[in-house]
Amino acid sequence: MQVYLSGAACQVRAGLSDLAKGDPVMRERFIRSVPVAVLVALFALALAPPAPAASVVTRQVVPGLTQRTIWDTSQVACYRLPDGVNHNGYIHMELTFQPAWADFDLYLLDEDLNAVSKEMGYMAVFAGREVVDHQVTTVRDTTIGPDGHMVGDPYYVVIVPFNEAARCRVQGYYPQIDLSVSDDTTSSANYYLKGFSKPIAAGTWIALDGPEYGHPYDFTPTSVGPGEVRLEWPADVVARQVTYDPVGAPSPANMESYLYAGPAWETLFADYGDLNWTPPMQEAGAWYGLRDLFLVEDGAAPARPLRALHWVPSVFLVASDETRGGLARPRLGKSTIGFRGVIEYPENLRLAGAPAKVKKGATATIKGTFALNAAWVAAAEVNVQVSVNGVWKTVKTATTDPAGRWSAKVKVTRTASYRAVAAGDPLSGLEREVSVTKRIQVR
């Protein structure tokens, strides 16, 4: 599609978006607040079981420190504009997607892979739609090629999916010079807007899948202390094996890692940038990848006991040449990268098991472990409590064995939430340790 417009008419496109233009920053995810109705829908998604691709193991390898290992995949779609942009004017791209509450990041990158325009976040500004605009003010490559066309500058459209599987399509336009009029890249009388669409056929979609919000990427520390998140790539998620080759393929893809806290998604860390093409060496070569630390503190800290944290890993670009990474052009089309993620967080009093459903009046076994100061606590009292009209009441008291294990049998007469409570160590942590809650449903 070619649309001829005067330069003045094209300037109207500037009002389509307030997005940054010419921003040299590579990228960073931004979380917006969303309407209550949408939050309800997202909450329902968060309660859904993990996608089949994800494999999850949660355990305590160190007393009081829970470790969750996730094997999963992340996808990205990258498209180069078919022609070099060879005239000043506006590049405009619109992403539409289904379902409307899905989460995508949309980027427009220049030839140096810098984000010149972007729209991102927990939700789009418009439901089911994101827009990026960029005003081209300079054309670098004005060479006239053998085919008689001006070469122009390459630009890339990048689509990054989050929150499980969704489908999308991107459409827009970009300026092209009309050399039959003149070769002036700044004139308002010698250019047209060329259409762009992926997929090309109307009514078709790109299917993309990203790490889901909710389990297993949400987790809740219950104690104070340090935590960390590790991300390794690439990986064979079926064989559960990291396949990174630091010699033959040192820079396979650009991965990102973000950690947020609470319902407003306060940023705890954002690990992204050009250096992430090559997974950094960790622990003297024991593994390669991103390692980010966080601290769970009592009080009003963003990361505090019994407050949900949200880890968001993603792939930003995949290398066309794994020996050169970002120095080469990115791989075009849809790409999938497998990864291994490890989350470690403090959880002294762990409620490790409880049935999801029981018959009315049946006995349910609730069990877990208890540790303080990185050691199992023996002969400690653990109170199992049930929530009754918003008030927690103790229904059974268990005693830990030498390995810190505790177990209690409770009679369940109605659907309710249960938790465990035990005395802590105020000198090194909390005065009282409280577990996460487990809901038992009467069927």
Protein backbone atom coordinates (compact mmCIF):
# COMPACT_ATOMS: atom_id res chain seq x y z
CA MET A 1 0.00 0.00 0.00
CA GLN A 2 1.28 3.46 -0.87
CA VAL A 3 -0.37 6.60 0.45
CA TYR A 4 0.74 10.01 -0.84
CA LEU A 5 0.42 12.81 1.67
CA SER A 6 1.85 16.28 1.89
CA GLY A 7 4.39 16.97 4.58
CA ALA A 8 1.86 19.11 6.46
CA ALA A 9 -0.66 16.27 6.54
CA CYS A 10 1.95 13.87 7.81
CA GLN A 11 2.75 16.17 10.72
CA VAL A 12 -0.73 15.46 12.09
CA ARG A 13 0.53 11.97 12.98
CA ALA A 14 2.64 13.58 15.72
CA GLY A 15 -0.47 13.89 17.84
CA LEU A 16 -1.21 10.16 17.77
CA SER A 17 1.07 9.29 20.62
CA ASP A 18 2.92 10.84 23.54
CA LEU A 19 5.56 8.13 23.37
CA ALA A 20 9.22 9.03 23.57
CA LYS A 21 10.89 9.82 20.24
CA GLY A 22 14.60 9.34 19.75
CA ASP A 23 15.05 7.90 23.25
CA PRO A 24 18.52 6.32 23.39
CA VAL A 25 17.59 4.10 26.34
CA MET A 26 17.37 0.45 25.28
CA ARG A 27 14.19 -0.41 27.12
CA GLU A 28 12.59 -1.11 30.47
CA ARG A 29 9.24 -2.51 31.42
CA PHE A 30 6.73 -0.15 32.97
CA ILE A 31 3.75 -1.25 35.02
CA ARG A 32 0.57 0.81 34.90
CA SER A 33 -2.43 0.72 37.16
CA VAL A 34 -5.46 -0.92 35.58
CA PRO A 35 -9.25 -0.81 36.09
CA VAL A 36 -10.76 -3.05 38.73
CA ALA A 37 -12.67 -5.13 36.16
CA VAL A 38 -9.46 -5.87 34.32
CA LEU A 39 -7.68 -6.71 37.57
CA VAL A 40 -10.38 -9.26 38.30
CA ALA A 41 -9.78 -10.88 34.93
CA LEU A 42 -6.03 -10.87 35.46
CA PHE A 43 -6.46 -12.29 38.95
CA ALA A 44 -8.40 -15.17 37.43
CA LEU A 45 -5.54 -15.75 35.03
CA ALA A 46 -3.06 -15.68 37.88
CA LEU A 47 -4.97 -18.46 39.62
CA ALA A 48 -4.81 -20.66 36.53
CA PRO A 49 -2.34 -23.56 36.55
CA PRO A 50 0.98 -23.05 34.75
CA ALA A 51 1.19 -23.55 31.00
CA PRO A 52 2.25 -27.06 29.98
CA ALA A 53 5.63 -25.76 28.78
CA ALA A 54 6.67 -24.78 32.30
CA SER A 55 8.25 -27.35 34.61
CA VAL A 56 8.47 -26.33 38.26
CA VAL A 57 10.18 -27.76 41.35
CA THR A 58 9.86 -25.97 44.72
CA ARG A 59 11.85 -27.15 47.75
CA GLN A 60 14.03 -26.03 50.64
CA VAL A 61 17.66 -26.98 50.09
CA VAL A 62 18.81 -24.74 52.95
CA PRO A 63 16.71 -24.50 56.15
CA GLY A 64 14.50 -21.45 55.89
CA LEU A 65 15.36 -20.72 52.24
CA THR A 66 12.89 -21.84 49.59
CA GLN A 67 14.20 -22.52 46.10
CA ARG A 68 11.95 -22.66 43.05
CA THR A 69 13.37 -23.91 39.75
CA ILE A 70 11.46 -23.12 36.55
CA TRP A 71 12.09 -24.52 33.08
CA ASP A 72 10.10 -22.54 30.54
CA THR A 73 10.20 -20.76 27.17
CA SER A 74 9.75 -17.18 26.04
CA GLN A 75 9.06 -15.87 22.53
CA VAL A 76 9.68 -12.68 20.58
CA ALA A 77 8.75 -11.51 17.08
CA CYS A 78 11.12 -9.20 15.19
CA TYR A 79 10.44 -7.74 11.74
CA ARG A 80 12.62 -5.48 9.64
CA LEU A 81 10.80 -2.90 7.54
CA PRO A 82 11.02 -4.15 3.94
CA ASP A 83 12.68 -0.95 2.74
CA GLY A 84 15.18 1.37 4.31
CA VAL A 85 13.54 4.57 5.57
CA ASN A 86 14.92 7.15 3.14
CA HIS A 87 12.94 10.33 3.84
CA ASN A 88 12.09 12.43 6.85
CA GLY A 89 8.62 11.84 8.24
CA TYR A 90 6.72 9.62 10.63
CA ILE A 91 6.96 5.89 11.18
CA HIS A 92 3.69 4.71 12.69
CA MET A 93 2.95 1.16 13.90
CA GLU A 94 -0.14 -0.23 15.61
CA LEU A 95 -0.33 -3.58 17.38
CA THR A 96 -3.71 -5.20 17.92
CA PHE A 97 -4.05 -8.32 20.03
CA GLN A 98 -6.49 -10.81 21.53
CA PRO A 99 -7.50 -11.31 24.26
CA ALA A 100 -7.64 -7.62 25.08
CA TRP A 101 -6.15 -8.11 28.56
CA ALA A 102 -3.00 -9.76 27.21
CA ASP A 103 0.27 -7.95 27.84
CA PHE A 104 2.69 -7.02 25.07
CA ASP A 105 5.64 -4.70 24.68
CA LEU A 106 5.93 -3.01 21.28
CA TYR A 107 9.21 -1.44 20.17
CA LEU A 108 10.56 0.37 17.14
CA LEU A 109 14.34 -0.01 16.90
CA ASP A 110 16.84 1.81 14.72
CA GLU A 111 19.78 0.18 12.95
CA ASP A 112 21.82 0.30 16.18
CA LEU A 113 19.00 -1.60 17.94
CA ASN A 114 18.18 1.40 20.11
CA ALA A 115 14.51 1.83 21.00
CA VAL A 116 13.37 5.05 19.31
CA SER A 117 9.75 4.47 20.32
CA LYS A 118 8.05 2.02 22.63
CA GLU A 119 4.82 1.20 24.38
CA MET A 120 4.88 -1.26 27.21
CA GLY A 121 3.38 -2.13 30.53
CA TYR A 122 0.98 -4.32 32.41
CA MET A 123 -1.78 -3.17 30.08
CA ALA A 124 -1.90 -1.17 26.87
CA VAL A 125 -3.15 2.42 26.92
CA PHE A 126 -6.06 1.13 24.83
CA ALA A 127 -7.53 -2.31 25.44
CA GLY A 128 -6.20 -4.69 22.82
CA ARG A 129 -4.10 -2.06 21.06
CA GLU A 130 -0.65 -0.46 21.33
CA VAL A 131 0.89 2.29 19.20
CA VAL A 132 4.40 3.51 18.52
CA ASP A 133 5.33 6.63 16.52
CA HIS A 134 8.72 7.97 15.58
CA GLN A 135 9.65 11.13 13.69
CA VAL A 136 12.56 10.58 11.32
CA THR A 137 14.57 13.80 11.12
CA THR A 138 17.75 12.50 9.49
CA VAL A 139 18.48 9.85 6.87
CA ARG A 140 21.96 8.40 7.29
CA ASP A 141 22.34 6.32 4.14
CA THR A 142 21.42 8.32 1.04
CA THR A 143 23.26 6.00 -1.34
CA ILE A 144 21.46 5.22 -4.59
CA GLY A 145 21.60 1.47 -5.07
CA PRO A 146 21.96 -0.52 -8.32
CA ASP A 147 18.16 -0.80 -8.53
CA GLY A 148 17.85 2.99 -8.66
CA HIS A 149 16.37 3.28 -5.14
CA MET A 150 17.83 5.18 -2.20
CA VAL A 151 19.09 2.65 0.37
CA GLY A 152 17.88 4.47 3.49
CA ASP A 153 18.14 3.31 7.11
CA PRO A 154 16.87 0.00 8.54
CA TYR A 155 14.24 -0.09 11.29
CA TYR A 156 12.87 -3.05 13.24
CA VAL A 157 9.47 -3.72 14.81
CA VAL A 158 9.75 -5.91 17.92
CA ILE A 159 6.84 -7.58 19.75
CA VAL A 160 7.46 -9.11 23.18
CA PRO A 161 4.62 -11.16 24.75
CA PHE A 162 3.83 -11.61 28.43
CA ASN A 163 1.10 -13.34 30.41
CA GLU A 164 0.78 -16.62 28.51
CA ALA A 165 -0.38 -17.18 24.94
CA ALA A 166 -2.14 -14.56 22.83
CA ARG A 167 -2.37 -13.55 19.20
CA CYS A 168 -1.53 -10.27 17.54
CA ARG A 169 -0.93 -8.44 14.28
CA VAL A 170 0.94 -5.22 13.51
CA GLN A 171 0.18 -2.65 10.81
CA GLY A 172 1.51 0.77 9.96
CA TYR A 173 3.46 2.86 7.50
CA TYR A 174 6.83 4.52 6.93
CA PRO A 175 8.12 7.30 4.63
CA GLN A 176 9.68 6.60 1.22
CA ILE A 177 11.33 9.07 -1.14
CA ASP A 178 10.08 9.64 -4.65
CA LEU A 179 13.30 10.08 -6.63
CA SER A 180 11.36 11.00 -9.76
CA VAL A 181 10.66 14.33 -8.06
CA SER A 182 13.97 14.93 -6.25
CA ASP A 183 16.57 13.30 -3.99
CA ASP A 184 16.04 15.78 -1.15
CA THR A 185 15.25 13.70 1.97
CA THR A 186 13.75 16.74 3.72
CA SER A 187 11.39 18.02 1.03
CA SER A 188 7.65 17.89 1.68
CA ALA A 189 6.86 17.35 -1.99
CA ASN A 190 8.68 14.12 -2.86
CA TYR A 191 7.68 11.32 -0.56
CA TYR A 192 4.89 8.89 0.16
CA LEU A 193 3.90 6.56 3.02
CA LYS A 194 4.37 2.87 2.36
CA GLY A 195 2.18 0.41 4.22
CA PHE A 196 3.47 -2.41 6.43
CA SER A 197 1.60 -5.41 7.81
CA LYS A 198 2.53 -8.62 9.65
CA PRO A 199 1.00 -11.03 8.84
CA ILE A 200 0.32 -9.74 5.34
CA ALA A 201 -2.99 -11.54 4.83
CA ALA A 202 -6.01 -9.84 6.39
CA GLY A 203 -7.65 -11.74 9.23
CA THR A 204 -4.51 -13.71 10.08
CA TRP A 205 -2.58 -13.47 13.34
CA ILE A 206 0.81 -14.05 14.94
CA ALA A 207 0.59 -16.46 17.88
CA LEU A 208 3.04 -15.55 20.65
CA ASP A 209 3.57 -16.98 24.13
CA GLY A 210 5.34 -15.42 27.09
CA PRO A 211 5.85 -16.31 30.76
CA GLU A 212 2.51 -16.15 32.53
CA TYR A 213 1.60 -13.85 35.40
CA GLY A 214 0.83 -15.77 38.58
CA HIS A 215 2.22 -19.21 39.40
CA PRO A 216 5.06 -20.11 39.15
CA TYR A 217 6.51 -16.61 38.72
CA ASP A 218 4.69 -15.12 41.70
CA PHE A 219 6.08 -16.05 45.11
CA THR A 220 5.64 -14.87 48.69
CA PRO A 221 8.53 -14.60 51.17
CA THR A 222 7.36 -15.02 54.75
CA SER A 223 10.55 -14.07 56.59
CA VAL A 224 13.22 -11.37 56.42
CA GLY A 225 16.54 -11.93 54.70
CA PRO A 226 18.25 -11.97 51.32
CA GLY A 227 16.86 -13.53 48.16
CA GLU A 228 18.04 -13.90 44.60
CA VAL A 229 16.85 -14.65 41.09
CA ARG A 230 18.96 -16.48 38.49
CA LEU A 231 18.26 -16.71 34.76
CA GLU A 232 20.18 -19.05 32.42
CA TRP A 233 19.73 -19.41 28.65
CA PRO A 234 19.36 -21.07 26.21
CA ALA A 235 17.98 -24.32 27.59
CA ASP A 236 16.28 -27.52 26.49
CA VAL A 237 13.19 -27.39 28.71
CA VAL A 238 12.17 -30.96 27.90
CA ALA A 239 15.53 -32.43 28.89
CA ARG A 240 15.88 -29.82 31.66
CA GLN A 241 19.37 -28.93 30.49
CA VAL A 242 21.01 -25.55 29.95
CA THR A 243 22.61 -25.65 26.49
CA TYR A 244 24.68 -22.46 26.59
CA ASP A 245 28.02 -22.73 24.75
CA PRO A 246 30.39 -19.98 25.99
CA VAL A 247 32.94 -20.80 23.27
CA GLY A 248 30.99 -21.67 20.13
CA ALA A 249 27.87 -19.52 20.72
CA PRO A 250 28.67 -16.97 23.43
CA SER A 251 25.91 -14.46 22.58
CA PRO A 252 22.72 -16.33 21.59
CA ALA A 253 20.00 -13.91 22.73
CA ASN A 254 19.28 -10.81 24.74
CA MET A 255 17.38 -11.82 27.88
CA GLU A 256 15.83 -9.63 30.56
CA SER A 257 14.87 -10.13 34.18
CA TYR A 258 12.54 -7.96 36.28
CA LEU A 259 11.24 -8.26 39.83
CA TYR A 260 8.24 -6.36 41.16
CA ALA A 261 6.51 -6.16 44.55
CA GLY A 262 2.88 -5.95 45.59
CA PRO A 263 -0.33 -5.18 43.70
CA ALA A 264 1.11 -1.95 42.25
CA TRP A 265 4.14 -3.82 40.89
CA GLU A 266 6.85 -1.68 42.52
CA THR A 267 10.20 -2.30 40.82
CA LEU A 268 12.79 -4.16 42.91
CA PHE A 269 15.24 -4.67 40.05
CA ALA A 270 15.30 -4.36 36.26
CA ASP A 271 18.13 -6.26 34.58
CA TYR A 272 18.30 -5.38 30.89
CA GLY A 273 20.69 -3.87 28.38
CA ASP A 274 23.26 -4.57 25.69
CA LEU A 275 25.46 -6.63 28.04
CA ASN A 276 22.70 -9.22 28.36
CA TRP A 277 23.49 -10.66 24.92
CA THR A 278 26.29 -12.66 26.55
CA PRO A 279 25.31 -14.45 29.78
CA PRO A 280 27.91 -13.35 32.37
CA MET A 281 30.02 -15.99 34.06
CA GLN A 282 28.95 -16.77 37.63
CA GLU A 283 30.70 -18.60 40.46
CA ALA A 284 33.97 -19.12 38.60
CA GLY A 285 32.29 -20.65 35.58
CA ALA A 286 29.86 -22.91 37.45
CA TRP A 287 27.06 -21.32 35.43
CA TYR A 288 26.38 -18.42 33.07
CA GLY A 289 23.46 -16.03 33.27
CA LEU A 290 21.86 -13.14 35.14
CA ARG A 291 22.02 -13.08 38.92
CA ASP A 292 20.04 -10.41 40.75
CA LEU A 293 19.75 -9.98 44.52
CA PHE A 294 16.95 -8.52 46.62
CA LEU A 295 16.33 -8.07 50.35
CA VAL A 296 13.14 -8.86 52.25
CA GLU A 297 12.79 -6.45 55.18
CA ASP A 298 10.24 -5.87 57.90
CA GLY A 299 8.16 -2.68 57.97
CA ALA A 300 7.19 -0.66 54.90
CA ALA A 301 9.89 -1.94 52.54
CA PRO A 302 8.65 -2.85 49.03
CA ALA A 303 9.78 -6.45 49.60
CA ARG A 304 8.45 -7.48 53.00
CA PRO A 305 7.16 -10.68 54.59
CA LEU A 306 3.83 -12.00 53.26
CA ARG A 307 3.82 -9.60 50.30
CA ALA A 308 3.64 -11.19 46.85
CA LEU A 309 6.57 -10.64 44.49
CA HIS A 310 6.38 -11.03 40.71
CA TRP A 311 9.31 -12.20 38.59
CA VAL A 312 9.14 -11.42 34.87
CA PRO A 313 11.78 -13.00 32.59
CA SER A 314 11.65 -12.40 28.84
CA VAL A 315 13.62 -12.58 25.62
CA PHE A 316 14.09 -9.22 23.87
CA LEU A 317 16.01 -10.21 20.74
CA VAL A 318 17.59 -13.38 19.37
CA ALA A 319 20.91 -13.21 17.53
CA SER A 320 21.19 -14.12 13.86
CA ASP A 321 24.87 -14.83 14.57
CA GLU A 322 25.42 -16.33 18.03
CA THR A 323 29.12 -15.48 17.95
CA ARG A 324 28.39 -11.74 17.58
CA GLY A 325 25.11 -11.19 19.45
CA GLY A 326 23.98 -7.57 19.25
CA LEU A 327 26.77 -6.70 16.82
CA ALA A 328 24.91 -8.71 14.17
CA ARG A 329 21.40 -8.16 12.91
CA PRO A 330 18.70 -9.73 15.08
CA ARG A 331 17.01 -12.93 13.96
CA LEU A 332 13.85 -12.07 12.08
CA GLY A 333 10.42 -13.64 12.47
CA LYS A 334 9.22 -15.47 15.56
CA SER A 335 11.85 -16.94 17.88
CA THR A 336 11.59 -19.15 20.96
CA ILE A 337 14.22 -19.38 23.70
CA GLY A 338 14.18 -21.94 26.49
CA PHE A 339 15.51 -20.89 29.88
CA ARG A 340 16.09 -22.02 33.43
CA GLY A 341 15.04 -19.71 36.23
CA VAL A 342 15.86 -20.14 39.92
CA ILE A 343 14.17 -18.08 42.63
CA GLU A 344 15.38 -18.22 46.24
CA TYR A 345 13.55 -16.44 49.04
CA PRO A 346 13.34 -16.56 52.87
CA GLU A 347 10.56 -18.74 54.27
CA ASN A 348 11.30 -19.92 57.80
CA LEU A 349 7.84 -21.31 58.54
CA ARG A 350 6.76 -23.21 55.49
CA LEU A 351 3.29 -24.61 54.92
CA ALA A 352 4.31 -27.17 52.35
CA GLY A 353 1.18 -29.27 52.00
CA ALA A 354 -2.59 -29.15 52.41
CA PRO A 355 -5.38 -30.69 50.32
CA ALA A 356 -7.19 -28.32 47.96
CA LYS A 357 -10.54 -30.08 48.45
CA VAL A 358 -12.06 -32.40 51.04
CA LYS A 359 -15.49 -33.74 51.88
CA LYS A 360 -17.38 -31.88 54.57
CA GLY A 361 -16.39 -33.17 57.99
CA ALA A 362 -13.30 -34.96 56.64
CA THR A 363 -9.87 -34.71 58.25
CA ALA A 364 -7.18 -32.79 56.37
CA THR A 365 -3.44 -33.09 57.01
CA ILE A 366 -1.58 -29.78 57.00
CA LYS A 367 2.18 -30.00 57.18
CA GLY A 368 5.41 -28.11 56.67
CA THR A 369 8.82 -27.25 58.12
CA PHE A 370 10.23 -24.68 60.54
CA ALA A 371 13.73 -23.16 60.61
CA LEU A 372 15.45 -20.24 62.27
CA ASN A 373 18.92 -18.84 61.56
CA ALA A 374 19.45 -21.34 58.71
CA ALA A 375 18.91 -24.34 61.00
CA TRP A 376 15.96 -26.64 61.55
CA VAL A 377 14.16 -26.01 64.83
CA ALA A 378 13.28 -29.08 66.93
CA ALA A 379 10.58 -29.32 69.63
CA ALA A 380 9.00 -26.01 68.61
CA GLU A 381 5.28 -25.36 68.83
CA VAL A 382 3.51 -24.54 65.57
CA ASN A 383 -0.06 -23.29 65.78
CA VAL A 384 -2.31 -24.15 62.84
CA GLN A 385 -4.96 -21.48 62.46
CA VAL A 386 -8.17 -21.09 60.47
CA SER A 387 -9.75 -17.81 59.36
CA VAL A 388 -13.26 -17.38 60.78
CA ASN A 389 -15.04 -14.18 59.73
CA GLY A 390 -11.69 -12.52 59.17
CA VAL A 391 -10.28 -13.57 62.56
CA TRP A 392 -7.54 -16.19 62.87
CA LYS A 393 -8.20 -18.90 65.46
CA THR A 394 -5.89 -21.74 66.47
CA VAL A 395 -7.42 -25.15 65.78
CA LYS A 396 -4.43 -27.43 66.39
CA THR A 397 -0.90 -27.20 67.79
CA ALA A 398 1.89 -29.33 66.34
CA THR A 399 5.46 -29.93 67.54
CA THR A 400 8.43 -30.04 65.19
CA ASP A 401 10.69 -33.10 64.97
CA PRO A 402 14.54 -32.91 64.88
CA ALA A 403 14.36 -32.15 61.12
CA GLY A 404 12.02 -29.21 61.73
CA ARG A 405 9.03 -31.03 60.28
CA TRP A 406 5.54 -30.54 61.67
CA SER A 407 2.13 -31.98 60.83
CA ALA A 408 -1.42 -31.46 62.07
CA LYS A 409 -4.75 -33.10 61.31
CA VAL A 410 -7.76 -30.79 61.34
CA LYS A 411 -11.45 -31.46 60.81
CA VAL A 412 -12.78 -29.36 57.93
CA THR A 413 -16.45 -28.41 58.13
CA ARG A 414 -16.50 -25.50 55.70
CA THR A 415 -14.36 -23.86 53.03
CA ALA A 416 -11.72 -21.74 54.75
CA SER A 417 -8.13 -20.51 54.69
CA TYR A 418 -5.46 -22.00 56.96
CA ARG A 419 -2.02 -20.86 58.06
CA ALA A 420 0.72 -21.71 60.56
CA VAL A 421 2.21 -19.46 63.26
CA ALA A 422 5.29 -19.95 65.46
CA ALA A 423 7.56 -17.90 67.70
CA GLY A 424 10.46 -16.36 65.80
CA ASP A 425 13.83 -14.91 66.77
CA PRO A 426 13.51 -11.11 67.13
CA LEU A 427 17.31 -10.76 67.38
CA SER A 428 17.86 -12.04 63.85
CA GLY A 429 14.46 -11.65 62.24
CA LEU A 430 10.81 -11.54 63.20
CA GLU A 431 9.25 -11.92 66.63
CA ARG A 432 6.58 -14.12 65.08
CA GLU A 433 6.86 -16.27 61.96
CA VAL A 434 3.71 -16.68 59.86
CA SER A 435 3.31 -18.99 56.88
CA VAL A 436 1.47 -18.37 53.63
CA THR A 437 -2.19 -19.33 53.65
CA LYS A 438 -3.72 -22.38 52.00
CA ARG A 439 -7.38 -22.52 51.15
CA ILE A 440 -9.19 -25.83 51.67
CA GLN A 441 -12.49 -26.16 49.85
CA VAL A 442 -15.36 -28.32 51.04
CA ARG A 443 -16.97 -30.22 48.19
